[in-house]
C-alpha atoms as a PDB file:
ATOM      1  CA  MET A   1       2.962  13.137  30.993  1.00  0.00           C
ATOM      2  CA  SER A   2       0.758  13.067  27.920  1.00  0.00           C
ATOM      3  CA  GLU A   3       0.764  10.335  25.320  1.00  0.00           C
ATOM      4  CA  PRO A   4       2.311  11.093  21.930  1.00  0.00           C
ATOM      5  CA  ASP A   5      -0.007  12.207  19.156  1.00  0.00           C
ATOM      6  CA  PRO A   6      -1.013   9.000  17.355  1.00  0.00           C
ATOM      7  CA  ARG A   7      -0.679  10.802  14.037  1.00  0.00           C
ATOM      8  CA  SER A   8       3.052  11.274  14.611  1.00  0.00           C
ATOM      9  CA  THR A   9       3.333   7.624  15.648  1.00  0.00           C
ATOM     10  CA  LEU A  10       1.628   6.564  12.404  1.00  0.00           C
ATOM     11  CA  ALA A  11       3.799   8.933  10.365  1.00  0.00           C
ATOM     12  CA  THR A  12       6.966   7.526  11.956  1.00  0.00           C
ATOM     13  CA  ALA A  13       5.868   3.943  11.311  1.00  0.00           C
ATOM     14  CA  ILE A  14       5.107   4.731   7.668  1.00  0.00           C
ATOM     15  CA  GLU A  15       8.451   6.483   7.214  1.00  0.00           C
ATOM     16  CA  THR A  16      10.226   3.442   8.681  1.00  0.00           C
ATOM     17  CA  GLU A  17       8.391   1.245   6.175  1.00  0.00           C
ATOM     18  CA  HIS A  18       9.240   3.691   3.399  1.00  0.00           C
ATOM     19  CA  GLN A  19      12.943   3.371   4.157  1.00  0.00           C
ATOM     20  CA  ALA A  20      12.626  -0.428   4.195  1.00  0.00           C
ATOM     21  CA  TRP A  21      10.841  -0.227   0.824  1.00  0.00           C
ATOM     22  CA  ARG A  22      13.647   1.853  -0.656  1.00  0.00           C
ATOM     23  CA  ALA A  23      16.188  -0.672   0.609  1.00  0.00           C
ATOM     24  CA  LEU A  24      14.200  -3.516  -0.973  1.00  0.00           C
ATOM     25  CA  VAL A  25      13.977  -1.687  -4.306  1.00  0.00           C
ATOM     26  CA  ALA A  26      17.727  -1.080  -4.218  1.00  0.00           C
ATOM     27  CA  GLU A  27      18.367  -4.725  -3.374  1.00  0.00           C
ATOM     28  CA  VAL A  28      16.221  -5.913  -6.283  1.00  0.00           C
ATOM     29  CA  GLY A  29      17.870  -3.405  -8.639  1.00  0.00           C
ATOM     30  CA  GLU A  30      16.135  -1.637 -11.477  1.00  0.00           C
ATOM     31  CA  ASP A  31      17.708  -3.988 -14.019  1.00  0.00           C
ATOM     32  CA  ARG A  32      15.689  -6.924 -12.605  1.00  0.00           C
ATOM     33  CA  MET A  33      12.342  -5.167 -12.224  1.00  0.00           C
ATOM     34  CA  THR A  34      10.741  -6.852 -15.222  1.00  0.00           C
ATOM     35  CA  GLU A  35      12.029 -10.389 -14.616  1.00  0.00           C
ATOM     36  CA  PRO A  36       9.291 -12.866 -13.677  1.00  0.00           C
ATOM     37  CA  GLY A  37       9.642 -14.552 -10.326  1.00  0.00           C
ATOM     38  CA  PRO A  38       8.875 -12.509  -7.227  1.00  0.00           C
ATOM     39  CA  MET A  39       5.214 -13.477  -7.484  1.00  0.00           C
ATOM     40  CA  GLY A  40       4.873 -16.398  -9.859  1.00  0.00           C
ATOM     41  CA  GLU A  41       4.893 -15.017 -13.400  1.00  0.00           C
ATOM     42  CA  TRP A  42       4.642 -11.474 -12.102  1.00  0.00           C
ATOM     43  CA  SER A  43       7.743  -9.329 -12.126  1.00  0.00           C
ATOM     44  CA  PHE A  44       8.673  -6.967  -9.327  1.00  0.00           C
ATOM     45  CA  ARG A  45       7.209  -4.135 -11.437  1.00  0.00           C
ATOM     46  CA  ASP A  46       3.939  -6.094 -11.679  1.00  0.00           C
ATOM     47  CA  LEU A  47       3.984  -6.595  -7.919  1.00  0.00           C
ATOM     48  CA  VAL A  48       4.436  -2.843  -7.422  1.00  0.00           C
ATOM     49  CA  VAL A  49       1.458  -2.167  -9.730  1.00  0.00           C
ATOM     50  CA  HIS A  50      -0.575  -4.593  -7.584  1.00  0.00           C
ATOM     51  CA  LEU A  51       0.478  -2.932  -4.328  1.00  0.00           C
ATOM     52  CA  LEU A  52      -0.275   0.523  -5.733  1.00  0.00           C
ATOM     53  CA  GLY A  53      -3.745  -0.490  -6.860  1.00  0.00           C
ATOM     54  CA  TRP A  54      -4.753  -1.553  -3.384  1.00  0.00           C
ATOM     55  CA  ARG A  55      -2.868   1.294  -1.674  1.00  0.00           C
ATOM     56  CA  ASP A  56      -4.526   3.921  -3.887  1.00  0.00           C
ATOM     57  CA  ARG A  57      -7.900   2.513  -2.891  1.00  0.00           C
ATOM     58  CA  THR A  58      -6.969   2.707   0.802  1.00  0.00           C
ATOM     59  CA  ILE A  59      -5.689   6.276   0.456  1.00  0.00           C
ATOM     60  CA  ALA A  60      -8.893   7.361  -1.308  1.00  0.00           C
ATOM     61  CA  ARG A  61     -10.938   5.814   1.490  1.00  0.00           C
ATOM     62  CA  LEU A  62      -8.845   7.561   4.167  1.00  0.00           C
ATOM     63  CA  GLU A  63      -9.112  10.883   2.340  1.00  0.00           C
ATOM     64  CA  ALA A  64     -12.899  10.454   2.348  1.00  0.00           C
ATOM     65  CA  VAL A  65     -12.855   9.810   6.106  1.00  0.00           C
ATOM     66  CA  ALA A  66     -10.747  12.941   6.640  1.00  0.00           C
ATOM     67  CA  ALA A  67     -13.165  15.006   4.539  1.00  0.00           C
ATOM     68  CA  GLY A  68     -16.215  13.592   6.305  1.00  0.00           C
ATOM     69  CA  GLN A  69     -17.389  12.037   3.046  1.00  0.00           C
ATOM     70  CA  PRO A  70     -18.842   8.584   2.405  1.00  0.00           C
ATOM     71  CA  ASP A  71     -16.611   5.777   1.253  1.00  0.00           C
ATOM     72  CA  PRO A  72     -15.773   6.372  -2.423  1.00  0.00           C
ATOM     73  CA  PRO A  73     -16.854   3.828  -5.013  1.00  0.00           C
ATOM     74  CA  GLU A  74     -14.383   1.093  -5.805  1.00  0.00           C
ATOM     75  CA  PRO A  75     -12.013   2.112  -8.608  1.00  0.00           C
ATOM     76  CA  TRP A  76     -12.552  -1.138 -10.522  1.00  0.00           C
ATOM     77  CA  PRO A  77     -15.615  -2.040 -12.614  1.00  0.00           C
ATOM     78  CA  ASP A  78     -18.737  -3.048 -10.711  1.00  0.00           C
ATOM     79  CA  ASP A  79     -18.716  -6.578 -12.117  1.00  0.00           C
ATOM     80  CA  LEU A  80     -15.419  -7.376 -10.370  1.00  0.00           C
ATOM     81  CA  ASP A  81     -15.825  -8.675  -6.847  1.00  0.00           C
ATOM     82  CA  GLU A  82     -13.065 -11.254  -6.450  1.00  0.00           C
ATOM     83  CA  ASP A  83      -9.455 -10.353  -5.656  1.00  0.00           C
ATOM     84  CA  ASP A  84      -8.065 -12.294  -8.637  1.00  0.00           C
ATOM     85  CA  GLY A  85     -10.216 -10.347 -11.097  1.00  0.00           C
ATOM     86  CA  ILE A  86      -9.407  -7.066  -9.376  1.00  0.00           C
ATOM     87  CA  ASN A  87      -5.691  -7.874  -9.441  1.00  0.00           C
ATOM     88  CA  ASP A  88      -5.936  -8.688 -13.146  1.00  0.00           C
ATOM     89  CA  TRP A  89      -7.671  -5.336 -13.679  1.00  0.00           C
ATOM     90  CA  PHE A  90      -4.849  -3.533 -11.839  1.00  0.00           C
ATOM     91  CA  GLN A  91      -2.306  -5.328 -14.043  1.00  0.00           C
ATOM     92  CA  ALA A  92      -4.147  -4.444 -17.243  1.00  0.00           C
ATOM     93  CA  ARG A  93      -4.275  -0.779 -16.207  1.00  0.00           C
ATOM     94  CA  GLY A  94      -0.564  -0.730 -15.376  1.00  0.00           C
ATOM     95  CA  ALA A  95       0.679  -2.803 -18.302  1.00  0.00           C
ATOM     96  CA  GLY A  96       2.156   0.072 -20.299  1.00  0.00           C
ATOM     97  CA  ARG A  97       3.760   1.914 -17.416  1.00  0.00           C
ATOM     98  CA  SER A  98       7.516   2.137 -17.164  1.00  0.00           C
ATOM     99  CA  VAL A  99       9.469   0.749 -14.247  1.00  0.00           C
ATOM    100  CA  ARG A 100      10.583   4.260 -13.300  1.00  0.00           C
ATOM    101  CA  ASP A 101       7.014   5.595 -13.345  1.00  0.00           C
ATOM    102  CA  VAL A 102       5.730   2.742 -11.179  1.00  0.00           C
ATOM    103  CA  LEU A 103       8.607   3.041  -8.706  1.00  0.00           C
ATOM    104  CA  ASP A 104       8.180   6.817  -8.462  1.00  0.00           C
ATOM    105  CA  GLU A 105       4.478   6.428  -7.769  1.00  0.00           C
ATOM    106  CA  ALA A 106       5.166   3.768  -5.150  1.00  0.00           C
ATOM    107  CA  ASP A 107       7.690   6.049  -3.495  1.00  0.00           C
ATOM    108  CA  ALA A 108       5.208   8.946  -3.449  1.00  0.00           C
ATOM    109  CA  SER A 109       2.425   6.741  -2.081  1.00  0.00           C
ATOM    110  CA  TYR A 110       4.074   6.632   1.338  1.00  0.00           C
ATOM    111  CA  GLY A 111       3.746  10.396   1.677  1.00  0.00           C
ATOM    112  CA  ARG A 112       0.185  10.290   0.359  1.00  0.00           C
ATOM    113  CA  LEU A 113      -0.718   7.616   2.915  1.00  0.00           C
ATOM    114  CA  THR A 114       0.839   9.651   5.716  1.00  0.00           C
ATOM    115  CA  ALA A 115      -0.936  12.837   4.605  1.00  0.00           C
ATOM    116  CA  ALA A 116      -4.279  11.043   4.490  1.00  0.00           C
ATOM    117  CA  LEU A 117      -3.863   9.544   7.948  1.00  0.00           C
ATOM    118  CA  VAL A 118      -2.600  12.687   9.668  1.00  0.00           C
ATOM    119  CA  SER A 119      -5.523  14.670   8.259  1.00  0.00           C
ATOM    120  CA  ILE A 120      -7.967  12.489  10.204  1.00  0.00           C
ATOM    121  CA  PRO A 121      -8.887  13.750  13.684  1.00  0.00           C
ATOM    122  CA  VAL A 122      -7.154  11.959  16.552  1.00  0.00           C
ATOM    123  CA  ALA A 123     -10.500  10.974  18.055  1.00  0.00           C
ATOM    124  CA  THR A 124     -11.438   9.165  14.849  1.00  0.00           C
ATOM    125  CA  LEU A 125      -8.045   7.483  14.533  1.00  0.00           C
ATOM    126  CA  SER A 126      -8.202   6.248  18.122  1.00  0.00           C
ATOM    127  CA  ASP A 127     -11.808   5.042  18.094  1.00  0.00           C
ATOM    128  CA  PRO A 128     -12.356   1.363  17.193  1.00  0.00           C
ATOM    129  CA  ALA A 129     -15.623   2.475  15.575  1.00  0.00           C
ATOM    130  CA  GLY A 130     -14.069   5.583  14.010  1.00  0.00           C
ATOM    131  CA  ILE A 131     -13.609   4.071  10.553  1.00  0.00           C
ATOM    132  CA  SER A 132     -16.380   1.606   9.822  1.00  0.00           C
ATOM    133  CA  TRP A 133     -14.519  -0.395   7.186  1.00  0.00           C
ATOM    134  CA  LEU A 134     -11.800  -1.310   9.689  1.00  0.00           C
ATOM    135  CA  ASP A 135     -14.232  -3.739  11.337  1.00  0.00           C
ATOM    136  CA  GLY A 136     -13.684  -2.644  14.916  1.00  0.00           C
ATOM    137  CA  ALA A 137      -9.973  -1.846  14.748  1.00  0.00           C
ATOM    138  CA  ALA A 138      -8.784   1.623  15.655  1.00  0.00           C
ATOM    139  CA  ALA A 139      -6.815   3.180  12.797  1.00  0.00           C
ATOM    140  CA  VAL A 140      -3.893   3.824  15.141  1.00  0.00           C
ATOM    141  CA  ASP A 141      -3.573   0.054  15.640  1.00  0.00           C
ATOM    142  CA  VAL A 142      -3.598  -0.876  11.953  1.00  0.00           C
ATOM    143  CA  ASP A 143      -0.416  -1.813  10.134  1.00  0.00           C
ATOM    144  CA  TRP A 144      -1.208   0.130   6.975  1.00  0.00           C
ATOM    145  CA  LEU A 145       1.513  -1.549   4.950  1.00  0.00           C
ATOM    146  CA  SER A 146       1.191  -5.124   6.183  1.00  0.00           C
ATOM    147  CA  HIS A 147       0.041  -6.558   2.857  1.00  0.00           C
ATOM    148  CA  LEU A 148       3.544  -6.469   1.416  1.00  0.00           C
ATOM    149  CA  HIS A 149       4.970  -8.312   4.409  1.00  0.00           C
ATOM    150  CA  GLU A 150       2.167 -10.783   4.984  1.00  0.00           C
ATOM    151  CA  GLU A 151       1.506 -11.745   1.388  1.00  0.00           C
ATOM    152  CA  HIS A 152       4.625 -11.038  -0.640  1.00  0.00           C
ATOM    153  CA  ASP A 153       7.837 -10.839   1.410  1.00  0.00           C
ATOM    154  CA  PRO A 154       8.468 -14.605   1.434  1.00  0.00           C
ATOM    155  CA  SER A 155       8.240 -14.964  -2.351  1.00  0.00           C
ATOM    156  CA  ILE A 156      10.242 -11.780  -2.967  1.00  0.00           C
ATOM    157  CA  ARG A 157      12.928 -12.939  -0.557  1.00  0.00           C
ATOM    158  CA  ALA A 158      13.078 -16.390  -2.171  1.00  0.00           C
ATOM    159  CA  TRP A 159      13.397 -14.784  -5.620  1.00  0.00           C
ATOM    160  CA  ILE A 160      16.202 -12.462  -4.445  1.00  0.00           C
ATOM    161  CA  ASP A 161      18.015 -15.272  -2.601  1.00  0.00           C
ATOM    162  CA  ALA A 162      17.810 -17.585  -5.637  1.00  0.00           C
ATOM    163  CA  ARG A 163      20.025 -15.264  -7.680  1.00  0.00           C
ATOM    164  CA  ASP A 164      22.733 -15.056  -5.014  1.00  0.00           C
END
């Protein structure tokens, strides 16, 4: 019996996360998207802008891998090299965007992430050296959406629970 195609495993995992994201957005409610609190002074909309900034970078890097191209340049200015400055840059770029626009882009990013990953050859996805910037991890073993859970779920949950 052959093993399942790792691309379908990745796609299923991303779709599961996408459904969890939609449930979180519904739980927050669009009427609260601009209230400060889920991340200090940042609103949920600000948090989504932050997540999108980093996710767009990851997707661009994966698309380059799939196309056999070198890693693209960072989207932020060359003089930024610390996460705080980069996060501020993401916020400045997203400051005028509507809640609906940001949420729609976040929703679409799951499909873009899946498309980028499934366009990479299985051999590359399965090889711990297949994607150099993964520092020895095989792409099939990476939790591509872990940042939300590892860095932000506790503060989001506390913010949601505080209103109840």
